[in-house]
PDB file of N, CA and C in Angstrom:
ATOM      1  N   MET A   1      18.482  13.208  43.085  1.00  0.00           N
ATOM      2  CA  MET A   1      18.088  11.940  43.685  1.00  0.00           C
ATOM      3  C   MET A   1      16.923  11.471  42.871  1.00  0.00           C
ATOM      4  N   THR A   2      16.979  10.190  42.602  1.00  0.00           N
ATOM      5  CA  THR A   2      15.865   9.576  41.807  1.00  0.00           C
ATOM      6  C   THR A   2      14.777   9.025  42.683  1.00  0.00           C
ATOM      7  N   ALA A   3      13.766   8.538  42.148  1.00  0.00           N
ATOM      8  CA  ALA A   3      12.650   7.952  42.931  1.00  0.00           C
ATOM      9  C   ALA A   3      13.098   6.773  43.701  1.00  0.00           C
ATOM     10  N   SER A   4      14.017   6.035  43.169  1.00  0.00           N
ATOM     11  CA  SER A   4      14.615   4.769  43.913  1.00  0.00           C
ATOM     12  C   SER A   4      15.545   5.014  44.975  1.00  0.00           C
ATOM     13  N   GLU A   5      16.123   6.370  45.044  1.00  0.00           N
ATOM     14  CA  GLU A   5      17.059   6.721  46.061  1.00  0.00           C
ATOM     15  C   GLU A   5      16.401   7.466  47.110  1.00  0.00           C
ATOM     16  N   ILE A   6      16.774   7.220  48.319  1.00  0.00           N
ATOM     17  CA  ILE A   6      16.178   7.886  49.511  1.00  0.00           C
ATOM     18  C   ILE A   6      17.358   8.379  50.398  1.00  0.00           C
ATOM     19  N   ALA A   7      17.172   9.427  50.999  1.00  0.00           N
ATOM     20  CA  ALA A   7      18.126  10.030  51.963  1.00  0.00           C
ATOM     21  C   ALA A   7      18.401   9.037  53.072  1.00  0.00           C
ATOM     22  N   ILE A   8      19.571   8.975  53.513  1.00  0.00           N
ATOM     23  CA  ILE A   8      19.971   7.911  54.532  1.00  0.00           C
ATOM     24  C   ILE A   8      19.302   8.251  55.882  1.00  0.00           C
ATOM     25  N   ASP A   9      19.030   9.623  56.086  1.00  0.00           N
ATOM     26  CA  ASP A   9      18.491  10.086  57.387  1.00  0.00           C
ATOM     27  C   ASP A   9      17.013  10.414  57.181  1.00  0.00           C
ATOM     28  N   ALA A  10      16.404   9.950  56.182  1.00  0.00           N
ATOM     29  CA  ALA A  10      14.881  10.052  55.937  1.00  0.00           C
ATOM     30  C   ALA A  10      14.130   9.361  57.065  1.00  0.00           C
ATOM     31  N   GLU A  11      13.134  10.036  57.415  1.00  0.00           N
ATOM     32  CA  GLU A  11      12.224   9.451  58.589  1.00  0.00           C
ATOM     33  C   GLU A  11      11.346   8.263  57.837  1.00  0.00           C
ATOM     34  N   CYS A  12      11.385   7.106  58.572  1.00  0.00           N
ATOM     35  CA  CYS A  12      10.808   5.997  57.970  1.00  0.00           C
ATOM     36  C   CYS A  12       9.678   5.445  58.909  1.00  0.00           C
ATOM     37  N   LEU A  13       8.738   4.810  58.414  1.00  0.00           N
ATOM     38  CA  LEU A  13       7.573   4.214  59.189  1.00  0.00           C
ATOM     39  C   LEU A  13       7.676   2.769  59.062  1.00  0.00           C
ATOM     40  N   THR A  14       7.083   2.022  60.009  1.00  0.00           N
ATOM     41  CA  THR A  14       7.193   0.573  60.007  1.00  0.00           C
ATOM     42  C   THR A  14       5.825   0.196  59.332  1.00  0.00           C
ATOM     43  N   VAL A  15       5.650  -1.070  59.002  1.00  0.00           N
ATOM     44  CA  VAL A  15       4.318  -1.598  58.426  1.00  0.00           C
ATOM     45  C   VAL A  15       3.181  -1.437  59.435  1.00  0.00           C
ATOM     46  N   THR A  16       3.497  -1.668  60.665  1.00  0.00           N
ATOM     47  CA  THR A  16       2.439  -1.565  61.846  1.00  0.00           C
ATOM     48  C   THR A  16       1.989  -0.059  61.823  1.00  0.00           C
ATOM     49  N   GLU A  17       2.938   0.885  61.804  1.00  0.00           N
ATOM     50  CA  GLU A  17       2.673   2.395  61.879  1.00  0.00           C
ATOM     51  C   GLU A  17       1.731   2.707  60.709  1.00  0.00           C
ATOM     52  N   VAL A  18       2.149   2.313  59.551  1.00  0.00           N
ATOM     53  CA  VAL A  18       1.323   2.669  58.383  1.00  0.00           C
ATOM     54  C   VAL A  18       0.016   1.980  58.509  1.00  0.00           C
ATOM     55  N   ALA A  19      -0.080   0.748  58.902  1.00  0.00           N
ATOM     56  CA  ALA A  19      -1.333   0.100  58.961  1.00  0.00           C
ATOM     57  C   ALA A  19      -2.297   0.705  59.985  1.00  0.00           C
ATOM     58  N   GLN A  20      -1.766   1.240  61.160  1.00  0.00           N
ATOM     59  CA  GLN A  20      -2.563   1.969  61.955  1.00  0.00           C
ATOM     60  C   GLN A  20      -3.067   3.259  61.579  1.00  0.00           C
ATOM     61  N   ARG A  21      -2.264   4.095  60.736  1.00  0.00           N
ATOM     62  CA  ARG A  21      -2.682   5.265  60.059  1.00  0.00           C
ATOM     63  C   ARG A  21      -3.688   5.154  59.123  1.00  0.00           C
ATOM     64  N   LEU A  22      -3.611   4.047  58.276  1.00  0.00           N
ATOM     65  CA  LEU A  22      -4.555   3.855  57.291  1.00  0.00           C
ATOM     66  C   LEU A  22      -5.748   2.925  57.611  1.00  0.00           C
ATOM     67  N   LYS A  23      -5.702   2.454  58.834  1.00  0.00           N
ATOM     68  CA  LYS A  23      -6.751   1.427  59.442  1.00  0.00           C
ATOM     69  C   LYS A  23      -6.913   0.263  58.530  1.00  0.00           C
ATOM     70  N   LEU A  24      -5.758  -0.277  58.038  1.00  0.00           N
ATOM     71  CA  LEU A  24      -5.589  -1.586  57.266  1.00  0.00           C
ATOM     72  C   LEU A  24      -4.891  -2.652  57.897  1.00  0.00           C
ATOM     73  N   LYS A  25      -4.920  -3.851  57.410  1.00  0.00           N
ATOM     74  CA  LYS A  25      -4.240  -4.878  58.058  1.00  0.00           C
ATOM     75  C   LYS A  25      -2.645  -4.823  57.519  1.00  0.00           C
ATOM     76  N   PRO A  26      -1.759  -5.285  58.433  1.00  0.00           N
ATOM     77  CA  PRO A  26      -0.346  -5.071  57.939  1.00  0.00           C
ATOM     78  C   PRO A  26      -0.088  -6.059  56.807  1.00  0.00           C
ATOM     79  N   ASP A  27      -0.845  -7.102  56.533  1.00  0.00           N
ATOM     80  CA  ASP A  27      -0.501  -7.862  55.267  1.00  0.00           C
ATOM     81  C   ASP A  27      -0.863  -6.946  54.011  1.00  0.00           C
ATOM     82  N   THR A  28      -1.888  -6.183  54.145  1.00  0.00           N
ATOM     83  CA  THR A  28      -2.364  -5.326  53.017  1.00  0.00           C
ATOM     84  C   THR A  28      -1.312  -4.229  52.786  1.00  0.00           C
ATOM     85  N   ILE A  29      -0.784  -3.717  53.734  1.00  0.00           N
ATOM     86  CA  ILE A  29       0.390  -2.764  53.704  1.00  0.00           C
ATOM     87  C   ILE A  29       1.585  -3.295  53.149  1.00  0.00           C
ATOM     88  N   ARG A  30       1.971  -4.513  53.506  1.00  0.00           N
ATOM     89  CA  ARG A  30       3.066  -5.174  52.807  1.00  0.00           C
ATOM     90  C   ARG A  30       2.955  -5.407  51.320  1.00  0.00           C
ATOM     91  N   ARG A  31       1.753  -5.710  50.921  1.00  0.00           N
ATOM     92  CA  ARG A  31       1.433  -5.956  49.496  1.00  0.00           C
ATOM     93  C   ARG A  31       1.551  -4.596  48.703  1.00  0.00           C
ATOM     94  N   LEU A  32       0.895  -3.465  49.281  1.00  0.00           N
ATOM     95  CA  LEU A  32       0.916  -2.116  48.717  1.00  0.00           C
ATOM     96  C   LEU A  32       2.306  -1.649  48.497  1.00  0.00           C
ATOM     97  N   PHE A  33       3.179  -1.773  49.467  1.00  0.00           N
ATOM     98  CA  PHE A  33       4.395  -1.236  49.534  1.00  0.00           C
ATOM     99  C   PHE A  33       5.666  -2.025  49.126  1.00  0.00           C
ATOM    100  N   ALA A  34       5.497  -3.455  49.085  1.00  0.00           N
ATOM    101  CA  ALA A  34       6.660  -4.150  48.903  1.00  0.00           C
ATOM    102  C   ALA A  34       7.502  -3.845  47.690  1.00  0.00           C
ATOM    103  N   ASP A  35       6.870  -3.592  46.472  1.00  0.00           N
ATOM    104  CA  ASP A  35       7.636  -3.249  45.246  1.00  0.00           C
ATOM    105  C   ASP A  35       7.669  -1.779  45.010  1.00  0.00           C
ATOM    106  N   GLU A  36       7.239  -0.945  45.881  1.00  0.00           N
ATOM    107  CA  GLU A  36       7.261   0.536  45.693  1.00  0.00           C
ATOM    108  C   GLU A  36       8.831   0.930  45.671  1.00  0.00           C
ATOM    109  N   PRO A  37       9.115   1.836  44.665  1.00  0.00           N
ATOM    110  CA  PRO A  37      10.483   2.501  44.641  1.00  0.00           C
ATOM    111  C   PRO A  37      10.667   3.371  45.896  1.00  0.00           C
ATOM    112  N   GLY A  38      11.739   3.144  46.511  1.00  0.00           N
ATOM    113  CA  GLY A  38      12.139   3.860  47.723  1.00  0.00           C
ATOM    114  C   GLY A  38      11.969   3.221  49.029  1.00  0.00           C
ATOM    115  N   VAL A  39      11.227   2.208  49.079  1.00  0.00           N
ATOM    116  CA  VAL A  39      10.992   1.422  50.175  1.00  0.00           C
ATOM    117  C   VAL A  39      12.235   0.633  50.581  1.00  0.00           C
ATOM    118  N   ILE A  40      12.507   0.683  51.831  1.00  0.00           N
ATOM    119  CA  ILE A  40      13.774  -0.111  52.251  1.00  0.00           C
ATOM    120  C   ILE A  40      13.320  -1.563  52.667  1.00  0.00           C
ATOM    121  N   VAL A  41      13.971  -2.554  52.052  1.00  0.00           N
ATOM    122  CA  VAL A  41      13.554  -3.939  52.265  1.00  0.00           C
ATOM    123  C   VAL A  41      14.817  -4.596  52.833  1.00  0.00           C
ATOM    124  N   LEU A  42      14.690  -5.039  54.069  1.00  0.00           N
ATOM    125  CA  LEU A  42      15.794  -5.792  54.709  1.00  0.00           C
ATOM    126  C   LEU A  42      15.449  -7.212  54.720  1.00  0.00           C
ATOM    127  N   SER A  43      16.294  -8.077  54.070  1.00  0.00           N
ATOM    128  CA  SER A  43      15.968  -9.374  53.933  1.00  0.00           C
ATOM    129  C   SER A  43      16.931 -10.327  54.698  1.00  0.00           C
ATOM    130  N   ALA A  44      16.423 -11.413  55.275  1.00  0.00           N
ATOM    131  CA  ALA A  44      17.299 -12.384  55.866  1.00  0.00           C
ATOM    132  C   ALA A  44      17.066 -13.761  55.191  1.00  0.00           C
ATOM    133  N   HIS A  45      18.006 -14.062  54.217  1.00  0.00           N
ATOM    134  CA  HIS A  45      17.816 -15.429  53.486  1.00  0.00           C
ATOM    135  C   HIS A  45      18.567 -16.573  54.342  1.00  0.00           C
ATOM    136  N   ARG A  46      17.730 -17.494  54.495  1.00  0.00           N
ATOM    137  CA  ARG A  46      18.411 -18.726  55.119  1.00  0.00           C
ATOM    138  C   ARG A  46      18.131 -19.954  54.366  1.00  0.00           C
ATOM    139  N   LYS A  47      19.169 -20.716  53.994  1.00  0.00           N
ATOM    140  CA  LYS A  47      19.084 -21.893  53.156  1.00  0.00           C
ATOM    141  C   LYS A  47      18.022 -22.888  53.678  1.00  0.00           C
ATOM    142  N   GLY A  48      17.102 -23.226  52.816  1.00  0.00           N
ATOM    143  CA  GLY A  48      16.090 -24.201  53.220  1.00  0.00           C
ATOM    144  C   GLY A  48      14.988 -23.738  54.037  1.00  0.00           C
ATOM    145  N   LYS A  49      15.035 -22.464  54.412  1.00  0.00           N
ATOM    146  CA  LYS A  49      14.031 -21.784  55.280  1.00  0.00           C
ATOM    147  C   LYS A  49      13.376 -20.646  54.593  1.00  0.00           C
ATOM    148  N   ARG A  50      12.326 -20.210  55.079  1.00  0.00           N
ATOM    149  CA  ARG A  50      11.593 -19.188  54.415  1.00  0.00           C
ATOM    150  C   ARG A  50      12.377 -17.702  54.560  1.00  0.00           C
ATOM    151  N   THR A  51      12.104 -16.812  53.672  1.00  0.00           N
ATOM    152  CA  THR A  51      12.960 -15.605  53.776  1.00  0.00           C
ATOM    153  C   THR A  51      12.183 -14.457  54.513  1.00  0.00           C
ATOM    154  N   TYR A  52      12.724 -13.903  55.493  1.00  0.00           N
ATOM    155  CA  TYR A  52      12.049 -12.976  56.394  1.00  0.00           C
ATOM    156  C   TYR A  52      12.466 -11.473  55.738  1.00  0.00           C
ATOM    157  N   ARG A  53      11.415 -10.678  55.501  1.00  0.00           N
ATOM    158  CA  ARG A  53      11.678  -9.352  55.026  1.00  0.00           C
ATOM    159  C   ARG A  53      11.072  -8.285  55.975  1.00  0.00           C
ATOM    160  N   THR A  54      11.830  -7.326  56.184  1.00  0.00           N
ATOM    161  CA  THR A  54      11.444  -6.116  57.046  1.00  0.00           C
ATOM    162  C   THR A  54      11.332  -5.027  56.205  1.00  0.00           C
ATOM    163  N   LEU A  55      10.174  -4.371  56.084  1.00  0.00           N
ATOM    164  CA  LEU A  55      10.018  -3.091  55.347  1.00  0.00           C
ATOM    165  C   LEU A  55      10.110  -1.757  56.218  1.00  0.00           C
ATOM    166  N   ARG A  56      10.823  -0.819  55.678  1.00  0.00           N
ATOM    167  CA  ARG A  56      10.808   0.436  56.230  1.00  0.00           C
ATOM    168  C   ARG A  56      10.350   1.427  55.120  1.00  0.00           C
ATOM    169  N   ILE A  57       9.279   2.286  55.549  1.00  0.00           N
ATOM    170  CA  ILE A  57       8.618   3.062  54.444  1.00  0.00           C
ATOM    171  C   ILE A  57       8.927   4.491  54.709  1.00  0.00           C
ATOM    172  N   PRO A  58       9.684   5.115  53.951  1.00  0.00           N
ATOM    173  CA  PRO A  58       9.989   6.567  54.054  1.00  0.00           C
ATOM    174  C   PRO A  58       8.634   7.441  53.985  1.00  0.00           C
ATOM    175  N   VAL A  59       8.678   8.527  54.851  1.00  0.00           N
ATOM    176  CA  VAL A  59       7.402   9.278  54.877  1.00  0.00           C
ATOM    177  C   VAL A  59       7.141   9.741  53.453  1.00  0.00           C
ATOM    178  N   THR A  60       8.082  10.129  52.703  1.00  0.00           N
ATOM    179  CA  THR A  60       7.790  10.597  51.362  1.00  0.00           C
ATOM    180  C   THR A  60       7.164   9.687  50.465  1.00  0.00           C
ATOM    181  N   VAL A  61       7.622   8.400  50.552  1.00  0.00           N
ATOM    182  CA  VAL A  61       7.059   7.307  49.767  1.00  0.00           C
ATOM    183  C   VAL A  61       5.540   7.014  50.272  1.00  0.00           C
ATOM    184  N   TYR A  62       5.486   7.066  51.596  1.00  0.00           N
ATOM    185  CA  TYR A  62       4.076   6.885  52.196  1.00  0.00           C
ATOM    186  C   TYR A  62       3.092   7.947  51.602  1.00  0.00           C
ATOM    187  N   HIS A  63       3.459   9.212  51.533  1.00  0.00           N
ATOM    188  CA  HIS A  63       2.588  10.265  51.024  1.00  0.00           C
ATOM    189  C   HIS A  63       2.415  10.065  49.508  1.00  0.00           C
ATOM    190  N   ARG A  64       3.396   9.730  48.893  1.00  0.00           N
ATOM    191  CA  ARG A  64       3.134   9.479  47.387  1.00  0.00           C
ATOM    192  C   ARG A  64       2.218   8.425  47.041  1.00  0.00           C
ATOM    193  N   VAL A  65       2.294   7.232  47.701  1.00  0.00           N
ATOM    194  CA  VAL A  65       1.297   6.198  47.594  1.00  0.00           C
ATOM    195  C   VAL A  65      -0.119   6.531  48.032  1.00  0.00           C
ATOM    196  N   VAL A  66      -0.219   7.092  49.220  1.00  0.00           N
ATOM    197  CA  VAL A  66      -1.547   7.534  49.660  1.00  0.00           C
ATOM    198  C   VAL A  66      -2.182   8.475  48.649  1.00  0.00           C
ATOM    199  N   THR A  67      -1.360   9.399  48.190  1.00  0.00           N
ATOM    200  CA  THR A  67      -1.947  10.331  47.276  1.00  0.00           C
ATOM    201  C   THR A  67      -2.340   9.649  45.904  1.00  0.00           C
ATOM    202  N   ARG A  68      -1.568   8.684  45.483  1.00  0.00           N
ATOM    203  CA  ARG A  68      -1.877   8.051  44.143  1.00  0.00           C
ATOM    204  C   ARG A  68      -3.098   7.054  44.383  1.00  0.00           C
ATOM    205  N   LEU A  69      -3.259   6.505  45.531  1.00  0.00           N
ATOM    206  CA  LEU A  69      -4.414   5.564  45.724  1.00  0.00           C
ATOM    207  C   LEU A  69      -5.688   6.273  46.212  1.00  0.00           C
ATOM    208  N   THR A  70      -5.633   7.519  46.529  1.00  0.00           N
ATOM    209  CA  THR A  70      -6.791   8.284  47.073  1.00  0.00           C
ATOM    210  C   THR A  70      -7.555   8.829  45.892  1.00  0.00           C
ATOM    211  N   ARG A  71      -8.857   8.533  45.818  1.00  0.00           N
ATOM    212  CA  ARG A  71      -9.683   9.055  44.827  1.00  0.00           C
ATOM    213  C   ARG A  71     -10.731  10.080  45.541  1.00  0.00           C
ATOM    214  N   VAL A  72     -10.761  11.299  45.131  1.00  0.00           N
ATOM    215  CA  VAL A  72     -11.653  12.317  45.595  1.00  0.00           C
ATOM    216  C   VAL A  72     -12.906  12.170  44.862  1.00  0.00           C
ATOM    217  N   VAL A  73     -14.017  12.062  45.550  1.00  0.00           N
ATOM    218  CA  VAL A  73     -15.367  12.060  44.844  1.00  0.00           C
ATOM    219  C   VAL A  73     -15.964  13.234  44.827  1.00  0.00           C
TER     220      VAL A  73
END
């Protein structure tokens, strides 16, 4: 399995759940995780309207990103 593939039954977190865990705003979480490999993006395209995207963040991706962004002093 590559970094961009995720198991179909993997536990996933919502943007709100990750925001609560990290004590950040949901918009910040969306920016951090939107282009991350392994994140599930569900899009609803509507002609002439804005695109709605729903993110589901697998726990493994969450751990990888938090580890990468954490700096131990």
